[in-house]
Each structure stands twice: as structure tokens, then as C-alpha cells.
Amino acid sequence: MEAWHQTRDRPTRCRPRLRKVRWVVERAFAWLHQFKRLRTRYERRADLHQGMLELACGIICLRRLLKALDVQQ
């Protein structure tokens, strides 16, 4: 079963598996959007921006792990 996805130019077919992957990516971007420093790129150097991105991903993972541990206890 294929669903239709409306783009700016024309409707295209969207496979359900692609929709699942797209949802995961959009959710990850929403989590990263919580970090104000990443919303507006203040760093001029790409390596500093990459470091902030990795730090934000680490914080997100830590929060999810702590939340999972609290549920189990």
C-alpha cells in the first residue's frame, strides 16, 4: 500500500517505510531544536558547531536513559 505525499511541484508516491524513516529524522530535529545555540549557528568554525551538535546529542541520549531507568525502578 502506498500513500501519496504532496510536494510543492506535484504529488508523489510515498512508501510506508520511507514515512517511518522520515518521522524518526523529523523527531530528532525537533529534539535538537530545543537547544537554542544550535537553532542559530553562532560559531564561525564548523568544528565548534559539530562539537555543540555532538554535545546536544549526548545530552538527549542521557535524558532518555535516565527517563528509562526511572520507569524501571
PDB file of N, CA and C in Angstrom:
ATOM      1  N   MET A   1       0.846  -1.181   0.000  1.00  0.00           N
ATOM      2  CA  MET A   1       0.000   0.000   0.000  1.00  0.00           C
ATOM      3  C   MET A   1       0.890   1.242   0.000  1.00  0.00           C
ATOM      4  N   GLU A   2       0.627   2.139  -0.885  1.00  0.00           N
ATOM      5  CA  GLU A   2       1.403   3.358  -0.987  1.00  0.00           C
ATOM      6  C   GLU A   2       0.529   4.557  -0.673  1.00  0.00           C
ATOM      7  N   ALA A   3       1.086   5.517  -0.021  1.00  0.00           N
ATOM      8  CA  ALA A   3       0.367   6.757   0.274  1.00  0.00           C
ATOM      9  C   ALA A   3       0.897   7.851  -0.644  1.00  0.00           C
ATOM     10  N   TRP A   4       0.102   8.878  -0.801  1.00  0.00           N
ATOM     11  CA  TRP A   4       0.520   9.997  -1.627  1.00  0.00           C
ATOM     12  C   TRP A   4       1.022  11.109  -0.732  1.00  0.00           C
ATOM     13  N   HIS A   5       2.117  11.703  -1.146  1.00  0.00           N
ATOM     14  CA  HIS A   5       2.723  12.805  -0.403  1.00  0.00           C
ATOM     15  C   HIS A   5       2.742  14.020  -1.311  1.00  0.00           C
ATOM     16  N   GLN A   6       2.149  15.111  -0.868  1.00  0.00           N
ATOM     17  CA  GLN A   6       2.058  16.319  -1.686  1.00  0.00           C
ATOM     18  C   GLN A   6       3.342  17.132  -1.549  1.00  0.00           C
ATOM     19  N   THR A   7       4.026  17.359  -2.651  1.00  0.00           N
ATOM     20  CA  THR A   7       5.182  18.241  -2.662  1.00  0.00           C
ATOM     21  C   THR A   7       4.771  19.548  -3.324  1.00  0.00           C
ATOM     22  N   ARG A   8       5.675  20.463  -3.379  1.00  0.00           N
ATOM     23  CA  ARG A   8       5.372  21.762  -3.955  1.00  0.00           C
ATOM     24  C   ARG A   8       5.018  21.647  -5.444  1.00  0.00           C
ATOM     25  N   ASP A   9       5.743  20.801  -6.160  1.00  0.00           N
ATOM     26  CA  ASP A   9       5.544  20.706  -7.601  1.00  0.00           C
ATOM     27  C   ASP A   9       4.390  19.782  -7.987  1.00  0.00           C
ATOM     28  N   ARG A  10       4.418  18.563  -7.452  1.00  0.00           N
ATOM     29  CA  ARG A  10       3.425  17.572  -7.861  1.00  0.00           C
ATOM     30  C   ARG A  10       3.312  16.501  -6.776  1.00  0.00           C
ATOM     31  N   PRO A  11       2.187  15.819  -6.754  1.00  0.00           N
ATOM     32  CA  PRO A  11       2.068  14.730  -5.772  1.00  0.00           C
ATOM     33  C   PRO A  11       2.971  13.559  -6.166  1.00  0.00           C
ATOM     34  N   THR A  12       3.596  12.941  -5.188  1.00  0.00           N
ATOM     35  CA  THR A  12       4.445  11.784  -5.438  1.00  0.00           C
ATOM     36  C   THR A  12       4.036  10.668  -4.497  1.00  0.00           C
ATOM     37  N   ARG A  13       4.344   9.451  -4.887  1.00  0.00           N
ATOM     38  CA  ARG A  13       4.020   8.318  -4.033  1.00  0.00           C
ATOM     39  C   ARG A  13       5.060   8.191  -2.928  1.00  0.00           C
ATOM     40  N   CYS A  14       4.595   7.900  -1.754  1.00  0.00           N
ATOM     41  CA  CYS A  14       5.473   7.773  -0.588  1.00  0.00           C
ATOM     42  C   CYS A  14       5.260   6.395   0.020  1.00  0.00           C
ATOM     43  N   ARG A  15       6.317   5.617   0.109  1.00  0.00           N
ATOM     44  CA  ARG A  15       6.205   4.284   0.690  1.00  0.00           C
ATOM     45  C   ARG A  15       6.099   4.379   2.209  1.00  0.00           C
ATOM     46  N   PRO A  16       5.359   3.467   2.840  1.00  0.00           N
ATOM     47  CA  PRO A  16       5.219   3.499   4.306  1.00  0.00           C
ATOM     48  C   PRO A  16       6.555   3.413   5.034  1.00  0.00           C
ATOM     49  N   ARG A  17       7.491   2.644   4.516  1.00  0.00           N
ATOM     50  CA  ARG A  17       8.795   2.522   5.165  1.00  0.00           C
ATOM     51  C   ARG A  17       9.542   3.861   5.150  1.00  0.00           C
ATOM     52  N   LEU A  18       9.429   4.568   4.036  1.00  0.00           N
ATOM     53  CA  LEU A  18      10.057   5.892   3.934  1.00  0.00           C
ATOM     54  C   LEU A  18       9.422   6.861   4.923  1.00  0.00           C
ATOM     55  N   ARG A  19       8.113   6.736   5.121  1.00  0.00           N
ATOM     56  CA  ARG A  19       7.411   7.598   6.065  1.00  0.00           C
ATOM     57  C   ARG A  19       7.929   7.378   7.489  1.00  0.00           C
ATOM     58  N   LYS A  20       8.209   6.130   7.862  1.00  0.00           N
ATOM     59  CA  LYS A  20       8.735   5.832   9.194  1.00  0.00           C
ATOM     60  C   LYS A  20      10.106   6.459   9.387  1.00  0.00           C
ATOM     61  N   VAL A  21      10.963   6.359   8.382  1.00  0.00           N
ATOM     62  CA  VAL A  21      12.302   6.934   8.468  1.00  0.00           C
ATOM     63  C   VAL A  21      12.205   8.453   8.553  1.00  0.00           C
ATOM     64  N   ARG A  22      11.326   9.038   7.769  1.00  0.00           N
ATOM     65  CA  ARG A  22      11.164  10.483   7.782  1.00  0.00           C
ATOM     66  C   ARG A  22      10.695  10.952   9.156  1.00  0.00           C
ATOM     67  N   TRP A  23       9.818  10.179   9.822  1.00  0.00           N
ATOM     68  CA  TRP A  23       9.326  10.539  11.145  1.00  0.00           C
ATOM     69  C   TRP A  23      10.461  10.518  12.161  1.00  0.00           C
ATOM     70  N   VAL A  24      11.341   9.537  12.081  1.00  0.00           N
ATOM     71  CA  VAL A  24      12.477   9.449  13.008  1.00  0.00           C
ATOM     72  C   VAL A  24      13.398  10.649  12.836  1.00  0.00           C
ATOM     73  N   VAL A  25      13.661  11.024  11.609  1.00  0.00           N
ATOM     74  CA  VAL A  25      14.538  12.161  11.335  1.00  0.00           C
ATOM     75  C   VAL A  25      13.904  13.458  11.828  1.00  0.00           C
ATOM     76  N   GLU A  26      12.618  13.649  11.554  1.00  0.00           N
ATOM     77  CA  GLU A  26      11.943  14.871  11.999  1.00  0.00           C
ATOM     78  C   GLU A  26      11.884  14.952  13.523  1.00  0.00           C
ATOM     79  N   ARG A  27      11.713  13.812  14.194  1.00  0.00           N
ATOM     80  CA  ARG A  27      11.699  13.798  15.657  1.00  0.00           C
ATOM     81  C   ARG A  27      13.067  14.181  16.202  1.00  0.00           C
ATOM     82  N   ALA A  28      14.128  13.665  15.582  1.00  0.00           N
ATOM     83  CA  ALA A  28      15.485  14.004  16.029  1.00  0.00           C
ATOM     84  C   ALA A  28      15.756  15.500  15.858  1.00  0.00           C
ATOM     85  N   PHE A  29      15.311  16.067  14.737  1.00  0.00           N
ATOM     86  CA  PHE A  29      15.485  17.510  14.535  1.00  0.00           C
ATOM     87  C   PHE A  29      14.693  18.306  15.566  1.00  0.00           C
ATOM     88  N   ALA A  30      13.512  17.827  15.944  1.00  0.00           N
ATOM     89  CA  ALA A  30      12.716  18.520  16.960  1.00  0.00           C
ATOM     90  C   ALA A  30      13.437  18.507  18.300  1.00  0.00           C
ATOM     91  N   TRP A  31      14.053  17.379  18.651  1.00  0.00           N
ATOM     92  CA  TRP A  31      14.819  17.310  19.901  1.00  0.00           C
ATOM     93  C   TRP A  31      15.999  18.274  19.861  1.00  0.00           C
ATOM     94  N   LEU A  32      16.703  18.314  18.738  1.00  0.00           N
ATOM     95  CA  LEU A  32      17.857  19.207  18.627  1.00  0.00           C
ATOM     96  C   LEU A  32      17.430  20.676  18.612  1.00  0.00           C
ATOM     97  N   HIS A  33      16.217  20.935  18.184  1.00  0.00           N
ATOM     98  CA  HIS A  33      15.730  22.318  18.115  1.00  0.00           C
ATOM     99  C   HIS A  33      15.544  22.926  19.503  1.00  0.00           C
ATOM    100  N   GLN A  34      15.511  22.079  20.542  1.00  0.00           N
ATOM    101  CA  GLN A  34      15.382  22.579  21.906  1.00  0.00           C
ATOM    102  C   GLN A  34      16.629  23.353  22.346  1.00  0.00           C
ATOM    103  N   PHE A  35      17.743  23.090  21.721  1.00  0.00           N
ATOM    104  CA  PHE A  35      18.996  23.732  22.090  1.00  0.00           C
ATOM    105  C   PHE A  35      19.154  25.019  21.291  1.00  0.00           C
ATOM    106  N   LYS A  36      19.015  26.143  21.992  1.00  0.00           N
ATOM    107  CA  LYS A  36      18.998  27.450  21.336  1.00  0.00           C
ATOM    108  C   LYS A  36      20.276  27.719  20.550  1.00  0.00           C
ATOM    109  N   ARG A  37      21.390  27.275  21.080  1.00  0.00           N
ATOM    110  CA  ARG A  37      22.668  27.545  20.420  1.00  0.00           C
ATOM    111  C   ARG A  37      22.760  26.850  19.065  1.00  0.00           C
ATOM    112  N   LEU A  38      22.028  25.758  18.897  1.00  0.00           N
ATOM    113  CA  LEU A  38      22.048  25.058  17.616  1.00  0.00           C
ATOM    114  C   LEU A  38      21.030  25.640  16.631  1.00  0.00           C
ATOM    115  N   ARG A  39      19.986  26.294  17.161  1.00  0.00           N
ATOM    116  CA  ARG A  39      18.995  26.898  16.269  1.00  0.00           C
ATOM    117  C   ARG A  39      19.612  27.985  15.414  1.00  0.00           C
ATOM    118  N   THR A  40      20.384  28.854  16.043  1.00  0.00           N
ATOM    119  CA  THR A  40      21.100  29.898  15.319  1.00  0.00           C
ATOM    120  C   THR A  40      22.576  29.572  15.435  1.00  0.00           C
ATOM    121  N   ARG A  41      23.210  29.411  14.332  1.00  0.00           N
ATOM    122  CA  ARG A  41      24.605  28.978  14.350  1.00  0.00           C
ATOM    123  C   ARG A  41      25.500  30.172  14.657  1.00  0.00           C
ATOM    124  N   TYR A  42      25.913  30.271  15.926  1.00  0.00           N
ATOM    125  CA  TYR A  42      26.760  31.380  16.351  1.00  0.00           C
ATOM    126  C   TYR A  42      28.229  31.141  16.011  1.00  0.00           C
ATOM    127  N   GLU A  43      28.640  29.874  16.011  1.00  0.00           N
ATOM    128  CA  GLU A  43      30.049  29.570  15.786  1.00  0.00           C
ATOM    129  C   GLU A  43      30.407  29.788  14.325  1.00  0.00           C
ATOM    130  N   ARG A  44      31.535  30.379  14.103  1.00  0.00           N
ATOM    131  CA  ARG A  44      32.001  30.582  12.730  1.00  0.00           C
ATOM    132  C   ARG A  44      32.735  29.354  12.217  1.00  0.00           C
ATOM    133  N   ARG A  45      33.309  28.597  13.147  1.00  0.00           N
ATOM    134  CA  ARG A  45      34.061  27.412  12.746  1.00  0.00           C
ATOM    135  C   ARG A  45      33.154  26.180  12.769  1.00  0.00           C
ATOM    136  N   ALA A  46      33.288  25.362  11.752  1.00  0.00           N
ATOM    137  CA  ALA A  46      32.449  24.173  11.627  1.00  0.00           C
ATOM    138  C   ALA A  46      32.741  23.154  12.729  1.00  0.00           C
ATOM    139  N   ASP A  47      33.997  23.073  13.182  1.00  0.00           N
ATOM    140  CA  ASP A  47      34.325  22.082  14.207  1.00  0.00           C
ATOM    141  C   ASP A  47      33.670  22.422  15.550  1.00  0.00           C
ATOM    142  N   LEU A  48      33.516  23.705  15.859  1.00  0.00           N
ATOM    143  CA  LEU A  48      32.833  24.095  17.091  1.00  0.00           C
ATOM    144  C   LEU A  48      31.340  23.777  17.006  1.00  0.00           C
ATOM    145  N   HIS A  49      30.751  24.016  15.852  1.00  0.00           N
ATOM    146  CA  HIS A  49      29.341  23.685  15.666  1.00  0.00           C
ATOM    147  C   HIS A  49      29.128  22.171  15.772  1.00  0.00           C
ATOM    148  N   GLN A  50      30.034  21.414  15.197  1.00  0.00           N
ATOM    149  CA  GLN A  50      29.959  19.951  15.277  1.00  0.00           C
ATOM    150  C   GLN A  50      30.071  19.487  16.723  1.00  0.00           C
ATOM    151  N   GLY A  51      30.940  20.113  17.486  1.00  0.00           N
ATOM    152  CA  GLY A  51      31.089  19.770  18.897  1.00  0.00           C
ATOM    153  C   GLY A  51      29.822  20.056  19.682  1.00  0.00           C
ATOM    154  N   MET A  52      29.181  21.190  19.422  1.00  0.00           N
ATOM    155  CA  MET A  52      27.923  21.515  20.092  1.00  0.00           C
ATOM    156  C   MET A  52      26.821  20.537  19.702  1.00  0.00           C
ATOM    157  N   LEU A  53      26.817  20.124  18.446  1.00  0.00           N
ATOM    158  CA  LEU A  53      25.833  19.157  17.977  1.00  0.00           C
ATOM    159  C   LEU A  53      26.018  17.814  18.676  1.00  0.00           C
ATOM    160  N   GLU A  54      27.264  17.374  18.807  1.00  0.00           N
ATOM    161  CA  GLU A  54      27.547  16.106  19.481  1.00  0.00           C
ATOM    162  C   GLU A  54      27.207  16.193  20.966  1.00  0.00           C
ATOM    163  N   LEU A  55      27.484  17.329  21.588  1.00  0.00           N
ATOM    164  CA  LEU A  55      27.135  17.518  22.991  1.00  0.00           C
ATOM    165  C   LEU A  55      25.614  17.460  23.181  1.00  0.00           C
ATOM    166  N   ALA A  56      24.871  18.106  22.302  1.00  0.00           N
ATOM    167  CA  ALA A  56      23.409  18.081  22.381  1.00  0.00           C
ATOM    168  C   ALA A  56      22.880  16.657  22.208  1.00  0.00           C
ATOM    169  N   CYS A  57      23.442  15.908  21.280  1.00  0.00           N
ATOM    170  CA  CYS A  57      23.012  14.519  21.086  1.00  0.00           C
ATOM    171  C   CYS A  57      23.310  13.680  22.329  1.00  0.00           C
ATOM    172  N   GLY A  58      24.450  13.920  22.936  1.00  0.00           N
ATOM    173  CA  GLY A  58      24.791  13.204  24.166  1.00  0.00           C
ATOM    174  C   GLY A  58      23.840  13.525  25.299  1.00  0.00           C
ATOM    175  N   ILE A  59      23.459  14.791  25.433  1.00  0.00           N
ATOM    176  CA  ILE A  59      22.516  15.198  26.477  1.00  0.00           C
ATOM    177  C   ILE A  59      21.153  14.562  26.230  1.00  0.00           C
ATOM    178  N   ILE A  60      20.722  14.526  24.986  1.00  0.00           N
ATOM    179  CA  ILE A  60      19.443  13.905  24.647  1.00  0.00           C
ATOM    180  C   ILE A  60      19.460  12.422  25.009  1.00  0.00           C
ATOM    181  N   CYS A  61      20.531  11.732  24.666  1.00  0.00           N
ATOM    182  CA  CYS A  61      20.641  10.301  24.989  1.00  0.00           C
ATOM    183  C   CYS A  61      20.657  10.078  26.500  1.00  0.00           C
ATOM    184  N   LEU A  62      21.392  10.906  27.219  1.00  0.00           N
ATOM    185  CA  LEU A  62      21.451  10.779  28.674  1.00  0.00           C
ATOM    186  C   LEU A  62      20.073  10.984  29.298  1.00  0.00           C
ATOM    187  N   ARG A  63      19.347  11.986  28.840  1.00  0.00           N
ATOM    188  CA  ARG A  63      17.996  12.236  29.364  1.00  0.00           C
ATOM    189  C   ARG A  63      17.079  11.045  29.119  1.00  0.00           C
ATOM    190  N   ARG A  64      17.167  10.466  27.926  1.00  0.00           N
ATOM    191  CA  ARG A  64      16.310   9.317  27.615  1.00  0.00           C
ATOM    192  C   ARG A  64      16.693   8.099  28.446  1.00  0.00           C
ATOM    193  N   LEU A  65      17.984   7.901  28.679  1.00  0.00           N
ATOM    194  CA  LEU A  65      18.419   6.788  29.519  1.00  0.00           C
ATOM    195  C   LEU A  65      17.958   6.964  30.963  1.00  0.00           C
ATOM    196  N   LEU A  66      18.096   8.167  31.487  1.00  0.00           N
ATOM    197  CA  LEU A  66      17.650   8.426  32.855  1.00  0.00           C
ATOM    198  C   LEU A  66      16.143   8.248  32.988  1.00  0.00           C
ATOM    199  N   LYS A  67      15.411   8.671  31.979  1.00  0.00           N
ATOM    200  CA  LYS A  67      13.971   8.500  31.999  1.00  0.00           C
ATOM    201  C   LYS A  67      13.598   7.015  31.959  1.00  0.00           C
ATOM    202  N   ALA A  68      14.316   6.239  31.159  1.00  0.00           N
ATOM    203  CA  ALA A  68      14.050   4.801  31.075  1.00  0.00           C
ATOM    204  C   ALA A  68      14.390   4.098  32.392  1.00  0.00           C
ATOM    205  N   LEU A  69      15.452   4.532  33.063  1.00  0.00           N
ATOM    206  CA  LEU A  69      15.833   3.928  34.335  1.00  0.00           C
ATOM    207  C   LEU A  69      14.836   4.259  35.433  1.00  0.00           C
ATOM    208  N   ASP A  70      14.292   5.466  35.418  1.00  0.00           N
ATOM    209  CA  ASP A  70      13.287   5.851  36.419  1.00  0.00           C
ATOM    210  C   ASP A  70      12.014   5.040  36.264  1.00  0.00           C
ATOM    211  N   VAL A  71      11.664   4.695  35.050  1.00  0.00           N
ATOM    212  CA  VAL A  71      10.450   3.908  34.801  1.00  0.00           C
ATOM    213  C   VAL A  71      10.635   2.492  35.332  1.00  0.00           C
ATOM    214  N   GLN A  72      11.827   1.929  35.164  1.00  0.00           N
ATOM    215  CA  GLN A  72      12.084   0.549  35.568  1.00  0.00           C
ATOM    216  C   GLN A  72      12.164   0.397  37.084  1.00  0.00           C
ATOM    217  N   GLN A  73      12.548   1.417  37.802  1.00  0.00           N
ATOM    218  CA  GLN A  73      12.731   1.287  39.253  1.00  0.00           C
ATOM    219  C   GLN A  73      11.471   1.409  40.021  1.00  0.00           C
TER     220      GLN A  73
END
